[in-house]
């Protein structure tokens, strides 16, 4: 998560993502 997210819509959800990684 890159930006604070509270009650966000699916349409706007990805705007709050800083990036992706691998988790085991």
PDBML (XML) file of the C-alpha atoms, coordinates in Angstrom:
<?xml version="1.0" encoding="UTF-8" ?>
<PDBx:datablock datablockName="MODEL"
   xmlns:PDBx="http://pdbml.pdb.org/schema/pdbx-v50.xsd"
   xmlns:xsi="http://www.w3.org/2001/XMLSchema-instance"
   xsi:schemaLocation="http://pdbml.pdb.org/schema/pdbx-v50.xsd pdbx-v50.xsd">
   <PDBx:atom_siteCategory>
      <PDBx:atom_site id="1">
         <PDBx:B_iso_or_equiv>0.00</PDBx:B_iso_or_equiv>
         <PDBx:Cartn_x>0.000</PDBx:Cartn_x>
         <PDBx:Cartn_y>0.000</PDBx:Cartn_y>
         <PDBx:Cartn_z>0.000</PDBx:Cartn_z>
         <PDBx:auth_asym_id>A</PDBx:auth_asym_id>
         <PDBx:auth_atom_id>CA</PDBx:auth_atom_id>
         <PDBx:auth_comp_id>UNK</PDBx:auth_comp_id>
         <PDBx:auth_seq_id>1</PDBx:auth_seq_id>
         <PDBx:group_PDB>ATOM</PDBx:group_PDB>
         <PDBx:label_alt_id xsi:nil="true" />
         <PDBx:label_asym_id>A</PDBx:label_asym_id>
         <PDBx:label_atom_id>CA</PDBx:label_atom_id>
         <PDBx:label_comp_id>UNK</PDBx:label_comp_id>
         <PDBx:label_entity_id>1</PDBx:label_entity_id>
         <PDBx:label_seq_id>1</PDBx:label_seq_id>
         <PDBx:occupancy>1.00</PDBx:occupancy>
         <PDBx:pdbx_PDB_model_num>1</PDBx:pdbx_PDB_model_num>
         <PDBx:type_symbol>C</PDBx:type_symbol>
      </PDBx:atom_site>
      <PDBx:atom_site id="2">
         <PDBx:B_iso_or_equiv>0.00</PDBx:B_iso_or_equiv>
         <PDBx:Cartn_x>1.288</PDBx:Cartn_x>
         <PDBx:Cartn_y>3.440</PDBx:Cartn_y>
         <PDBx:Cartn_z>-0.948</PDBx:Cartn_z>
         <PDBx:auth_asym_id>A</PDBx:auth_asym_id>
         <PDBx:auth_atom_id>CA</PDBx:auth_atom_id>
         <PDBx:auth_comp_id>UNK</PDBx:auth_comp_id>
         <PDBx:auth_seq_id>2</PDBx:auth_seq_id>
         <PDBx:group_PDB>ATOM</PDBx:group_PDB>
         <PDBx:label_alt_id xsi:nil="true" />
         <PDBx:label_asym_id>A</PDBx:label_asym_id>
         <PDBx:label_atom_id>CA</PDBx:label_atom_id>
         <PDBx:label_comp_id>UNK</PDBx:label_comp_id>
         <PDBx:label_entity_id>1</PDBx:label_entity_id>
         <PDBx:label_seq_id>2</PDBx:label_seq_id>
         <PDBx:occupancy>1.00</PDBx:occupancy>
         <PDBx:pdbx_PDB_model_num>1</PDBx:pdbx_PDB_model_num>
         <PDBx:type_symbol>C</PDBx:type_symbol>
      </PDBx:atom_site>
      <PDBx:atom_site id="3">
         <PDBx:B_iso_or_equiv>0.00</PDBx:B_iso_or_equiv>
         <PDBx:Cartn_x>-1.575</PDBx:Cartn_x>
         <PDBx:Cartn_y>5.742</PDBx:Cartn_y>
         <PDBx:Cartn_z>0.000</PDBx:Cartn_z>
         <PDBx:auth_asym_id>A</PDBx:auth_asym_id>
         <PDBx:auth_atom_id>CA</PDBx:auth_atom_id>
         <PDBx:auth_comp_id>UNK</PDBx:auth_comp_id>
         <PDBx:auth_seq_id>3</PDBx:auth_seq_id>
         <PDBx:group_PDB>ATOM</PDBx:group_PDB>
         <PDBx:label_alt_id xsi:nil="true" />
         <PDBx:label_asym_id>A</PDBx:label_asym_id>
         <PDBx:label_atom_id>CA</PDBx:label_atom_id>
         <PDBx:label_comp_id>UNK</PDBx:label_comp_id>
         <PDBx:label_entity_id>1</PDBx:label_entity_id>
         <PDBx:label_seq_id>3</PDBx:label_seq_id>
         <PDBx:occupancy>1.00</PDBx:occupancy>
         <PDBx:pdbx_PDB_model_num>1</PDBx:pdbx_PDB_model_num>
         <PDBx:type_symbol>C</PDBx:type_symbol>
      </PDBx:atom_site>
      <PDBx:atom_site id="4">
         <PDBx:B_iso_or_equiv>0.00</PDBx:B_iso_or_equiv>
         <PDBx:Cartn_x>-4.003</PDBx:Cartn_x>
         <PDBx:Cartn_y>5.567</PDBx:Cartn_y>
         <PDBx:Cartn_z>2.904</PDBx:Cartn_z>
         <PDBx:auth_asym_id>A</PDBx:auth_asym_id>
         <PDBx:auth_atom_id>CA</PDBx:auth_atom_id>
         <PDBx:auth_comp_id>UNK</PDBx:auth_comp_id>
         <PDBx:auth_seq_id>4</PDBx:auth_seq_id>
         <PDBx:group_PDB>ATOM</PDBx:group_PDB>
         <PDBx:label_alt_id xsi:nil="true" />
         <PDBx:label_asym_id>A</PDBx:label_asym_id>
         <PDBx:label_atom_id>CA</PDBx:label_atom_id>
         <PDBx:label_comp_id>UNK</PDBx:label_comp_id>
         <PDBx:label_entity_id>1</PDBx:label_entity_id>
         <PDBx:label_seq_id>4</PDBx:label_seq_id>
         <PDBx:occupancy>1.00</PDBx:occupancy>
         <PDBx:pdbx_PDB_model_num>1</PDBx:pdbx_PDB_model_num>
         <PDBx:type_symbol>C</PDBx:type_symbol>
      </PDBx:atom_site>
      <PDBx:atom_site id="5">
         <PDBx:B_iso_or_equiv>0.00</PDBx:B_iso_or_equiv>
         <PDBx:Cartn_x>-7.131</PDBx:Cartn_x>
         <PDBx:Cartn_y>3.627</PDBx:Cartn_y>
         <PDBx:Cartn_z>1.932</PDBx:Cartn_z>
         <PDBx:auth_asym_id>A</PDBx:auth_asym_id>
         <PDBx:auth_atom_id>CA</PDBx:auth_atom_id>
         <PDBx:auth_comp_id>UNK</PDBx:auth_comp_id>
         <PDBx:auth_seq_id>5</PDBx:auth_seq_id>
         <PDBx:group_PDB>ATOM</PDBx:group_PDB>
         <PDBx:label_alt_id xsi:nil="true" />
         <PDBx:label_asym_id>A</PDBx:label_asym_id>
         <PDBx:label_atom_id>CA</PDBx:label_atom_id>
         <PDBx:label_comp_id>UNK</PDBx:label_comp_id>
         <PDBx:label_entity_id>1</PDBx:label_entity_id>
         <PDBx:label_seq_id>5</PDBx:label_seq_id>
         <PDBx:occupancy>1.00</PDBx:occupancy>
         <PDBx:pdbx_PDB_model_num>1</PDBx:pdbx_PDB_model_num>
         <PDBx:type_symbol>C</PDBx:type_symbol>
      </PDBx:atom_site>
      <PDBx:atom_site id="6">
         <PDBx:B_iso_or_equiv>0.00</PDBx:B_iso_or_equiv>
         <PDBx:Cartn_x>-10.444</PDBx:Cartn_x>
         <PDBx:Cartn_y>3.716</PDBx:Cartn_y>
         <PDBx:Cartn_z>3.769</PDBx:Cartn_z>
         <PDBx:auth_asym_id>A</PDBx:auth_asym_id>
         <PDBx:auth_atom_id>CA</PDBx:auth_atom_id>
         <PDBx:auth_comp_id>UNK</PDBx:auth_comp_id>
         <PDBx:auth_seq_id>6</PDBx:auth_seq_id>
         <PDBx:group_PDB>ATOM</PDBx:group_PDB>
         <PDBx:label_alt_id xsi:nil="true" />
         <PDBx:label_asym_id>A</PDBx:label_asym_id>
         <PDBx:label_atom_id>CA</PDBx:label_atom_id>
         <PDBx:label_comp_id>UNK</PDBx:label_comp_id>
         <PDBx:label_entity_id>1</PDBx:label_entity_id>
         <PDBx:label_seq_id>6</PDBx:label_seq_id>
         <PDBx:occupancy>1.00</PDBx:occupancy>
         <PDBx:pdbx_PDB_model_num>1</PDBx:pdbx_PDB_model_num>
         <PDBx:type_symbol>C</PDBx:type_symbol>
      </PDBx:atom_site>
      <PDBx:atom_site id="7">
         <PDBx:B_iso_or_equiv>0.00</PDBx:B_iso_or_equiv>
         <PDBx:Cartn_x>-13.767</PDBx:Cartn_x>
         <PDBx:Cartn_y>2.842</PDBx:Cartn_y>
         <PDBx:Cartn_z>2.106</PDBx:Cartn_z>
         <PDBx:auth_asym_id>A</PDBx:auth_asym_id>
         <PDBx:auth_atom_id>CA</PDBx:auth_atom_id>
         <PDBx:auth_comp_id>UNK</PDBx:auth_comp_id>
         <PDBx:auth_seq_id>7</PDBx:auth_seq_id>
         <PDBx:group_PDB>ATOM</PDBx:group_PDB>
         <PDBx:label_alt_id xsi:nil="true" />
         <PDBx:label_asym_id>A</PDBx:label_asym_id>
         <PDBx:label_atom_id>CA</PDBx:label_atom_id>
         <PDBx:label_comp_id>UNK</PDBx:label_comp_id>
         <PDBx:label_entity_id>1</PDBx:label_entity_id>
         <PDBx:label_seq_id>7</PDBx:label_seq_id>
         <PDBx:occupancy>1.00</PDBx:occupancy>
         <PDBx:pdbx_PDB_model_num>1</PDBx:pdbx_PDB_model_num>
         <PDBx:type_symbol>C</PDBx:type_symbol>
      </PDBx:atom_site>
      <PDBx:atom_site id="8">
         <PDBx:B_iso_or_equiv>0.00</PDBx:B_iso_or_equiv>
         <PDBx:Cartn_x>-12.247</PDBx:Cartn_x>
         <PDBx:Cartn_y>2.952</PDBx:Cartn_y>
         <PDBx:Cartn_z>-1.370</PDBx:Cartn_z>
         <PDBx:auth_asym_id>A</PDBx:auth_asym_id>
         <PDBx:auth_atom_id>CA</PDBx:auth_atom_id>
         <PDBx:auth_comp_id>UNK</PDBx:auth_comp_id>
         <PDBx:auth_seq_id>8</PDBx:auth_seq_id>
         <PDBx:group_PDB>ATOM</PDBx:group_PDB>
         <PDBx:label_alt_id xsi:nil="true" />
         <PDBx:label_asym_id>A</PDBx:label_asym_id>
         <PDBx:label_atom_id>CA</PDBx:label_atom_id>
         <PDBx:label_comp_id>UNK</PDBx:label_comp_id>
         <PDBx:label_entity_id>1</PDBx:label_entity_id>
         <PDBx:label_seq_id>8</PDBx:label_seq_id>
         <PDBx:occupancy>1.00</PDBx:occupancy>
         <PDBx:pdbx_PDB_model_num>1</PDBx:pdbx_PDB_model_num>
         <PDBx:type_symbol>C</PDBx:type_symbol>
      </PDBx:atom_site>
      <PDBx:atom_site id="9">
         <PDBx:B_iso_or_equiv>0.00</PDBx:B_iso_or_equiv>
         <PDBx:Cartn_x>-14.081</PDBx:Cartn_x>
         <PDBx:Cartn_y>1.626</PDBx:Cartn_y>
         <PDBx:Cartn_z>-4.415</PDBx:Cartn_z>
         <PDBx:auth_asym_id>A</PDBx:auth_asym_id>
         <PDBx:auth_atom_id>CA</PDBx:auth_atom_id>
         <PDBx:auth_comp_id>UNK</PDBx:auth_comp_id>
         <PDBx:auth_seq_id>9</PDBx:auth_seq_id>
         <PDBx:group_PDB>ATOM</PDBx:group_PDB>
         <PDBx:label_alt_id xsi:nil="true" />
         <PDBx:label_asym_id>A</PDBx:label_asym_id>
         <PDBx:label_atom_id>CA</PDBx:label_atom_id>
         <PDBx:label_comp_id>UNK</PDBx:label_comp_id>
         <PDBx:label_entity_id>1</PDBx:label_entity_id>
         <PDBx:label_seq_id>9</PDBx:label_seq_id>
         <PDBx:occupancy>1.00</PDBx:occupancy>
         <PDBx:pdbx_PDB_model_num>1</PDBx:pdbx_PDB_model_num>
         <PDBx:type_symbol>C</PDBx:type_symbol>
      </PDBx:atom_site>
      <PDBx:atom_site id="10">
         <PDBx:B_iso_or_equiv>0.00</PDBx:B_iso_or_equiv>
         <PDBx:Cartn_x>-12.813</PDBx:Cartn_x>
         <PDBx:Cartn_y>-1.141</PDBx:Cartn_y>
         <PDBx:Cartn_z>-6.664</PDBx:Cartn_z>
         <PDBx:auth_asym_id>A</PDBx:auth_asym_id>
         <PDBx:auth_atom_id>CA</PDBx:auth_atom_id>
         <PDBx:auth_comp_id>UNK</PDBx:auth_comp_id>
         <PDBx:auth_seq_id>10</PDBx:auth_seq_id>
         <PDBx:group_PDB>ATOM</PDBx:group_PDB>
         <PDBx:label_alt_id xsi:nil="true" />
         <PDBx:label_asym_id>A</PDBx:label_asym_id>
         <PDBx:label_atom_id>CA</PDBx:label_atom_id>
         <PDBx:label_comp_id>UNK</PDBx:label_comp_id>
         <PDBx:label_entity_id>1</PDBx:label_entity_id>
         <PDBx:label_seq_id>10</PDBx:label_seq_id>
         <PDBx:occupancy>1.00</PDBx:occupancy>
         <PDBx:pdbx_PDB_model_num>1</PDBx:pdbx_PDB_model_num>
         <PDBx:type_symbol>C</PDBx:type_symbol>
      </PDBx:atom_site>
      <PDBx:atom_site id="11">
         <PDBx:B_iso_or_equiv>0.00</PDBx:B_iso_or_equiv>
         <PDBx:Cartn_x>-12.484</PDBx:Cartn_x>
         <PDBx:Cartn_y>1.436</PDBx:Cartn_y>
         <PDBx:Cartn_z>-9.436</PDBx:Cartn_z>
         <PDBx:auth_asym_id>A</PDBx:auth_asym_id>
         <PDBx:auth_atom_id>CA</PDBx:auth_atom_id>
         <PDBx:auth_comp_id>UNK</PDBx:auth_comp_id>
         <PDBx:auth_seq_id>11</PDBx:auth_seq_id>
         <PDBx:group_PDB>ATOM</PDBx:group_PDB>
         <PDBx:label_alt_id xsi:nil="true" />
         <PDBx:label_asym_id>A</PDBx:label_asym_id>
         <PDBx:label_atom_id>CA</PDBx:label_atom_id>
         <PDBx:label_comp_id>UNK</PDBx:label_comp_id>
         <PDBx:label_entity_id>1</PDBx:label_entity_id>
         <PDBx:label_seq_id>11</PDBx:label_seq_id>
         <PDBx:occupancy>1.00</PDBx:occupancy>
         <PDBx:pdbx_PDB_model_num>1</PDBx:pdbx_PDB_model_num>
         <PDBx:type_symbol>C</PDBx:type_symbol>
      </PDBx:atom_site>
      <PDBx:atom_site id="12">
         <PDBx:B_iso_or_equiv>0.00</PDBx:B_iso_or_equiv>
         <PDBx:Cartn_x>-10.084</PDBx:Cartn_x>
         <PDBx:Cartn_y>3.528</PDBx:Cartn_y>
         <PDBx:Cartn_z>-7.335</PDBx:Cartn_z>
         <PDBx:auth_asym_id>A</PDBx:auth_asym_id>
         <PDBx:auth_atom_id>CA</PDBx:auth_atom_id>
         <PDBx:auth_comp_id>UNK</PDBx:auth_comp_id>
         <PDBx:auth_seq_id>12</PDBx:auth_seq_id>
         <PDBx:group_PDB>ATOM</PDBx:group_PDB>
         <PDBx:label_alt_id xsi:nil="true" />
         <PDBx:label_asym_id>A</PDBx:label_asym_id>
         <PDBx:label_atom_id>CA</PDBx:label_atom_id>
         <PDBx:label_comp_id>UNK</PDBx:label_comp_id>
         <PDBx:label_entity_id>1</PDBx:label_entity_id>
         <PDBx:label_seq_id>12</PDBx:label_seq_id>
         <PDBx:occupancy>1.00</PDBx:occupancy>
         <PDBx:pdbx_PDB_model_num>1</PDBx:pdbx_PDB_model_num>
         <PDBx:type_symbol>C</PDBx:type_symbol>
      </PDBx:atom_site>
      <PDBx:atom_site id="13">
         <PDBx:B_iso_or_equiv>0.00</PDBx:B_iso_or_equiv>
         <PDBx:Cartn_x>-8.425</PDBx:Cartn_x>
         <PDBx:Cartn_y>0.769</PDBx:Cartn_y>
         <PDBx:Cartn_z>-5.334</PDBx:Cartn_z>
         <PDBx:auth_asym_id>A</PDBx:auth_asym_id>
         <PDBx:auth_atom_id>CA</PDBx:auth_atom_id>
         <PDBx:auth_comp_id>UNK</PDBx:auth_comp_id>
         <PDBx:auth_seq_id>13</PDBx:auth_seq_id>
         <PDBx:group_PDB>ATOM</PDBx:group_PDB>
         <PDBx:label_alt_id xsi:nil="true" />
         <PDBx:label_asym_id>A</PDBx:label_asym_id>
         <PDBx:label_atom_id>CA</PDBx:label_atom_id>
         <PDBx:label_comp_id>UNK</PDBx:label_comp_id>
         <PDBx:label_entity_id>1</PDBx:label_entity_id>
         <PDBx:label_seq_id>13</PDBx:label_seq_id>
         <PDBx:occupancy>1.00</PDBx:occupancy>
         <PDBx:pdbx_PDB_model_num>1</PDBx:pdbx_PDB_model_num>
         <PDBx:type_symbol>C</PDBx:type_symbol>
      </PDBx:atom_site>
      <PDBx:atom_site id="14">
         <PDBx:B_iso_or_equiv>0.00</PDBx:B_iso_or_equiv>
         <PDBx:Cartn_x>-5.308</PDBx:Cartn_x>
         <PDBx:Cartn_y>0.433</PDBx:Cartn_y>
         <PDBx:Cartn_z>-7.475</PDBx:Cartn_z>
         <PDBx:auth_asym_id>A</PDBx:auth_asym_id>
         <PDBx:auth_atom_id>CA</PDBx:auth_atom_id>
         <PDBx:auth_comp_id>UNK</PDBx:auth_comp_id>
         <PDBx:auth_seq_id>14</PDBx:auth_seq_id>
         <PDBx:group_PDB>ATOM</PDBx:group_PDB>
         <PDBx:label_alt_id xsi:nil="true" />
         <PDBx:label_asym_id>A</PDBx:label_asym_id>
         <PDBx:label_atom_id>CA</PDBx:label_atom_id>
         <PDBx:label_comp_id>UNK</PDBx:label_comp_id>
         <PDBx:label_entity_id>1</PDBx:label_entity_id>
         <PDBx:label_seq_id>14</PDBx:label_seq_id>
         <PDBx:occupancy>1.00</PDBx:occupancy>
         <PDBx:pdbx_PDB_model_num>1</PDBx:pdbx_PDB_model_num>
         <PDBx:type_symbol>C</PDBx:type_symbol>
      </PDBx:atom_site>
      <PDBx:atom_site id="15">
         <PDBx:B_iso_or_equiv>0.00</PDBx:B_iso_or_equiv>
         <PDBx:Cartn_x>-4.566</PDBx:Cartn_x>
         <PDBx:Cartn_y>4.139</PDBx:Cartn_y>
         <PDBx:Cartn_z>-7.023</PDBx:Cartn_z>
         <PDBx:auth_asym_id>A</PDBx:auth_asym_id>
         <PDBx:auth_atom_id>CA</PDBx:auth_atom_id>
         <PDBx:auth_comp_id>UNK</PDBx:auth_comp_id>
         <PDBx:auth_seq_id>15</PDBx:auth_seq_id>
         <PDBx:group_PDB>ATOM</PDBx:group_PDB>
         <PDBx:label_alt_id xsi:nil="true" />
         <PDBx:label_asym_id>A</PDBx:label_asym_id>
         <PDBx:label_atom_id>CA</PDBx:label_atom_id>
         <PDBx:label_comp_id>UNK</PDBx:label_comp_id>
         <PDBx:label_entity_id>1</PDBx:label_entity_id>
         <PDBx:label_seq_id>15</PDBx:label_seq_id>
         <PDBx:occupancy>1.00</PDBx:occupancy>
         <PDBx:pdbx_PDB_model_num>1</PDBx:pdbx_PDB_model_num>
         <PDBx:type_symbol>C</PDBx:type_symbol>
      </PDBx:atom_site>
      <PDBx:atom_site id="16">
         <PDBx:B_iso_or_equiv>0.00</PDBx:B_iso_or_equiv>
         <PDBx:Cartn_x>-3.581</PDBx:Cartn_x>
         <PDBx:Cartn_y>3.253</PDBx:Cartn_y>
         <PDBx:Cartn_z>-3.454</PDBx:Cartn_z>
         <PDBx:auth_asym_id>A</PDBx:auth_asym_id>
         <PDBx:auth_atom_id>CA</PDBx:auth_atom_id>
         <PDBx:auth_comp_id>UNK</PDBx:auth_comp_id>
         <PDBx:auth_seq_id>16</PDBx:auth_seq_id>
         <PDBx:group_PDB>ATOM</PDBx:group_PDB>
         <PDBx:label_alt_id xsi:nil="true" />
         <PDBx:label_asym_id>A</PDBx:label_asym_id>
         <PDBx:label_atom_id>CA</PDBx:label_atom_id>
         <PDBx:label_comp_id>UNK</PDBx:label_comp_id>
         <PDBx:label_entity_id>1</PDBx:label_entity_id>
         <PDBx:label_seq_id>16</PDBx:label_seq_id>
         <PDBx:occupancy>1.00</PDBx:occupancy>
         <PDBx:pdbx_PDB_model_num>1</PDBx:pdbx_PDB_model_num>
         <PDBx:type_symbol>C</PDBx:type_symbol>
      </PDBx:atom_site>
      <PDBx:atom_site id="17">
         <PDBx:B_iso_or_equiv>0.00</PDBx:B_iso_or_equiv>
         <PDBx:Cartn_x>-1.026</PDBx:Cartn_x>
         <PDBx:Cartn_y>0.615</PDBx:Cartn_y>
         <PDBx:Cartn_z>-4.449</PDBx:Cartn_z>
         <PDBx:auth_asym_id>A</PDBx:auth_asym_id>
         <PDBx:auth_atom_id>CA</PDBx:auth_atom_id>
         <PDBx:auth_comp_id>UNK</PDBx:auth_comp_id>
         <PDBx:auth_seq_id>17</PDBx:auth_seq_id>
         <PDBx:group_PDB>ATOM</PDBx:group_PDB>
         <PDBx:label_alt_id xsi:nil="true" />
         <PDBx:label_asym_id>A</PDBx:label_asym_id>
         <PDBx:label_atom_id>CA</PDBx:label_atom_id>
         <PDBx:label_comp_id>UNK</PDBx:label_comp_id>
         <PDBx:label_entity_id>1</PDBx:label_entity_id>
         <PDBx:label_seq_id>17</PDBx:label_seq_id>
         <PDBx:occupancy>1.00</PDBx:occupancy>
         <PDBx:pdbx_PDB_model_num>1</PDBx:pdbx_PDB_model_num>
         <PDBx:type_symbol>C</PDBx:type_symbol>
      </PDBx:atom_site>
      <PDBx:atom_site id="18">
         <PDBx:B_iso_or_equiv>0.00</PDBx:B_iso_or_equiv>
         <PDBx:Cartn_x>2.686</PDBx:Cartn_x>
         <PDBx:Cartn_y>1.524</PDBx:Cartn_y>
         <PDBx:Cartn_z>-4.390</PDBx:Cartn_z>
         <PDBx:auth_asym_id>A</PDBx:auth_asym_id>
         <PDBx:auth_atom_id>CA</PDBx:auth_atom_id>
         <PDBx:auth_comp_id>UNK</PDBx:auth_comp_id>
         <PDBx:auth_seq_id>18</PDBx:auth_seq_id>
         <PDBx:group_PDB>ATOM</PDBx:group_PDB>
         <PDBx:label_alt_id xsi:nil="true" />
         <PDBx:label_asym_id>A</PDBx:label_asym_id>
         <PDBx:label_atom_id>CA</PDBx:label_atom_id>
         <PDBx:label_comp_id>UNK</PDBx:label_comp_id>
         <PDBx:label_entity_id>1</PDBx:label_entity_id>
         <PDBx:label_seq_id>18</PDBx:label_seq_id>
         <PDBx:occupancy>1.00</PDBx:occupancy>
         <PDBx:pdbx_PDB_model_num>1</PDBx:pdbx_PDB_model_num>
         <PDBx:type_symbol>C</PDBx:type_symbol>
      </PDBx:atom_site>
      <PDBx:atom_site id="19">
         <PDBx:B_iso_or_equiv>0.00</PDBx:B_iso_or_equiv>
         <PDBx:Cartn_x>3.722</PDBx:Cartn_x>
         <PDBx:Cartn_y>-1.704</PDBx:Cartn_y>
         <PDBx:Cartn_z>-6.059</PDBx:Cartn_z>
         <PDBx:auth_asym_id>A</PDBx:auth_asym_id>
         <PDBx:auth_atom_id>CA</PDBx:auth_atom_id>
         <PDBx:auth_comp_id>UNK</PDBx:auth_comp_id>
         <PDBx:auth_seq_id>19</PDBx:auth_seq_id>
         <PDBx:group_PDB>ATOM</PDBx:group_PDB>
         <PDBx:label_alt_id xsi:nil="true" />
         <PDBx:label_asym_id>A</PDBx:label_asym_id>
         <PDBx:label_atom_id>CA</PDBx:label_atom_id>
         <PDBx:label_comp_id>UNK</PDBx:label_comp_id>
         <PDBx:label_entity_id>1</PDBx:label_entity_id>
         <PDBx:label_seq_id>19</PDBx:label_seq_id>
         <PDBx:occupancy>1.00</PDBx:occupancy>
         <PDBx:pdbx_PDB_model_num>1</PDBx:pdbx_PDB_model_num>
         <PDBx:type_symbol>C</PDBx:type_symbol>
      </PDBx:atom_site>
      <PDBx:atom_site id="20">
         <PDBx:B_iso_or_equiv>0.00</PDBx:B_iso_or_equiv>
         <PDBx:Cartn_x>3.982</PDBx:Cartn_x>
         <PDBx:Cartn_y>-5.456</PDBx:Cartn_y>
         <PDBx:Cartn_z>-5.862</PDBx:Cartn_z>
         <PDBx:auth_asym_id>A</PDBx:auth_asym_id>
         <PDBx:auth_atom_id>CA</PDBx:auth_atom_id>
         <PDBx:auth_comp_id>UNK</PDBx:auth_comp_id>
         <PDBx:auth_seq_id>20</PDBx:auth_seq_id>
         <PDBx:group_PDB>ATOM</PDBx:group_PDB>
         <PDBx:label_alt_id xsi:nil="true" />
         <PDBx:label_asym_id>A</PDBx:label_asym_id>
         <PDBx:label_atom_id>CA</PDBx:label_atom_id>
         <PDBx:label_comp_id>UNK</PDBx:label_comp_id>
         <PDBx:label_entity_id>1</PDBx:label_entity_id>
         <PDBx:label_seq_id>20</PDBx:label_seq_id>
         <PDBx:occupancy>1.00</PDBx:occupancy>
         <PDBx:pdbx_PDB_model_num>1</PDBx:pdbx_PDB_model_num>
         <PDBx:type_symbol>C</PDBx:type_symbol>
      </PDBx:atom_site>
      <PDBx:atom_site id="21">
         <PDBx:B_iso_or_equiv>0.00</PDBx:B_iso_or_equiv>
         <PDBx:Cartn_x>6.350</PDBx:Cartn_x>
         <PDBx:Cartn_y>-8.024</PDBx:Cartn_y>
         <PDBx:Cartn_z>-4.418</PDBx:Cartn_z>
         <PDBx:auth_asym_id>A</PDBx:auth_asym_id>
         <PDBx:auth_atom_id>CA</PDBx:auth_atom_id>
         <PDBx:auth_comp_id>UNK</PDBx:auth_comp_id>
         <PDBx:auth_seq_id>21</PDBx:auth_seq_id>
         <PDBx:group_PDB>ATOM</PDBx:group_PDB>
         <PDBx:label_alt_id xsi:nil="true" />
         <PDBx:label_asym_id>A</PDBx:label_asym_id>
         <PDBx:label_atom_id>CA</PDBx:label_atom_id>
         <PDBx:label_comp_id>UNK</PDBx:label_comp_id>
         <PDBx:label_entity_id>1</PDBx:label_entity_id>
         <PDBx:label_seq_id>21</PDBx:label_seq_id>
         <PDBx:occupancy>1.00</PDBx:occupancy>
         <PDBx:pdbx_PDB_model_num>1</PDBx:pdbx_PDB_model_num>
         <PDBx:type_symbol>C</PDBx:type_symbol>
      </PDBx:atom_site>
      <PDBx:atom_site id="22">
         <PDBx:B_iso_or_equiv>0.00</PDBx:B_iso_or_equiv>
         <PDBx:Cartn_x>6.657</PDBx:Cartn_x>
         <PDBx:Cartn_y>-11.734</PDBx:Cartn_y>
         <PDBx:Cartn_z>-3.623</PDBx:Cartn_z>
         <PDBx:auth_asym_id>A</PDBx:auth_asym_id>
         <PDBx:auth_atom_id>CA</PDBx:auth_atom_id>
         <PDBx:auth_comp_id>UNK</PDBx:auth_comp_id>
         <PDBx:auth_seq_id>22</PDBx:auth_seq_id>
         <PDBx:group_PDB>ATOM</PDBx:group_PDB>
         <PDBx:label_alt_id xsi:nil="true" />
         <PDBx:label_asym_id>A</PDBx:label_asym_id>
         <PDBx:label_atom_id>CA</PDBx:label_atom_id>
         <PDBx:label_comp_id>UNK</PDBx:label_comp_id>
         <PDBx:label_entity_id>1</PDBx:label_entity_id>
         <PDBx:label_seq_id>22</PDBx:label_seq_id>
         <PDBx:occupancy>1.00</PDBx:occupancy>
         <PDBx:pdbx_PDB_model_num>1</PDBx:pdbx_PDB_model_num>
         <PDBx:type_symbol>C</PDBx:type_symbol>
      </PDBx:atom_site>
      <PDBx:atom_site id="23">
         <PDBx:B_iso_or_equiv>0.00</PDBx:B_iso_or_equiv>
         <PDBx:Cartn_x>5.518</PDBx:Cartn_x>
         <PDBx:Cartn_y>-13.089</PDBx:Cartn_y>
         <PDBx:Cartn_z>-0.266</PDBx:Cartn_z>
         <PDBx:auth_asym_id>A</PDBx:auth_asym_id>
         <PDBx:auth_atom_id>CA</PDBx:auth_atom_id>
         <PDBx:auth_comp_id>UNK</PDBx:auth_comp_id>
         <PDBx:auth_seq_id>23</PDBx:auth_seq_id>
         <PDBx:group_PDB>ATOM</PDBx:group_PDB>
         <PDBx:label_alt_id xsi:nil="true" />
         <PDBx:label_asym_id>A</PDBx:label_asym_id>
         <PDBx:label_atom_id>CA</PDBx:label_atom_id>
         <PDBx:label_comp_id>UNK</PDBx:label_comp_id>
         <PDBx:label_entity_id>1</PDBx:label_entity_id>
         <PDBx:label_seq_id>23</PDBx:label_seq_id>
         <PDBx:occupancy>1.00</PDBx:occupancy>
         <PDBx:pdbx_PDB_model_num>1</PDBx:pdbx_PDB_model_num>
         <PDBx:type_symbol>C</PDBx:type_symbol>
      </PDBx:atom_site>
      <PDBx:atom_site id="24">
         <PDBx:B_iso_or_equiv>0.00</PDBx:B_iso_or_equiv>
         <PDBx:Cartn_x>6.113</PDBx:Cartn_x>
         <PDBx:Cartn_y>-16.647</PDBx:Cartn_y>
         <PDBx:Cartn_z>0.928</PDBx:Cartn_z>
         <PDBx:auth_asym_id>A</PDBx:auth_asym_id>
         <PDBx:auth_atom_id>CA</PDBx:auth_atom_id>
         <PDBx:auth_comp_id>UNK</PDBx:auth_comp_id>
         <PDBx:auth_seq_id>24</PDBx:auth_seq_id>
         <PDBx:group_PDB>ATOM</PDBx:group_PDB>
         <PDBx:label_alt_id xsi:nil="true" />
         <PDBx:label_asym_id>A</PDBx:label_asym_id>
         <PDBx:label_atom_id>CA</PDBx:label_atom_id>
         <PDBx:label_comp_id>UNK</PDBx:label_comp_id>
         <PDBx:label_entity_id>1</PDBx:label_entity_id>
         <PDBx:label_seq_id>24</PDBx:label_seq_id>
         <PDBx:occupancy>1.00</PDBx:occupancy>
         <PDBx:pdbx_PDB_model_num>1</PDBx:pdbx_PDB_model_num>
         <PDBx:type_symbol>C</PDBx:type_symbol>
      </PDBx:atom_site>
   </PDBx:atom_siteCategory>
</PDBx:datablock>
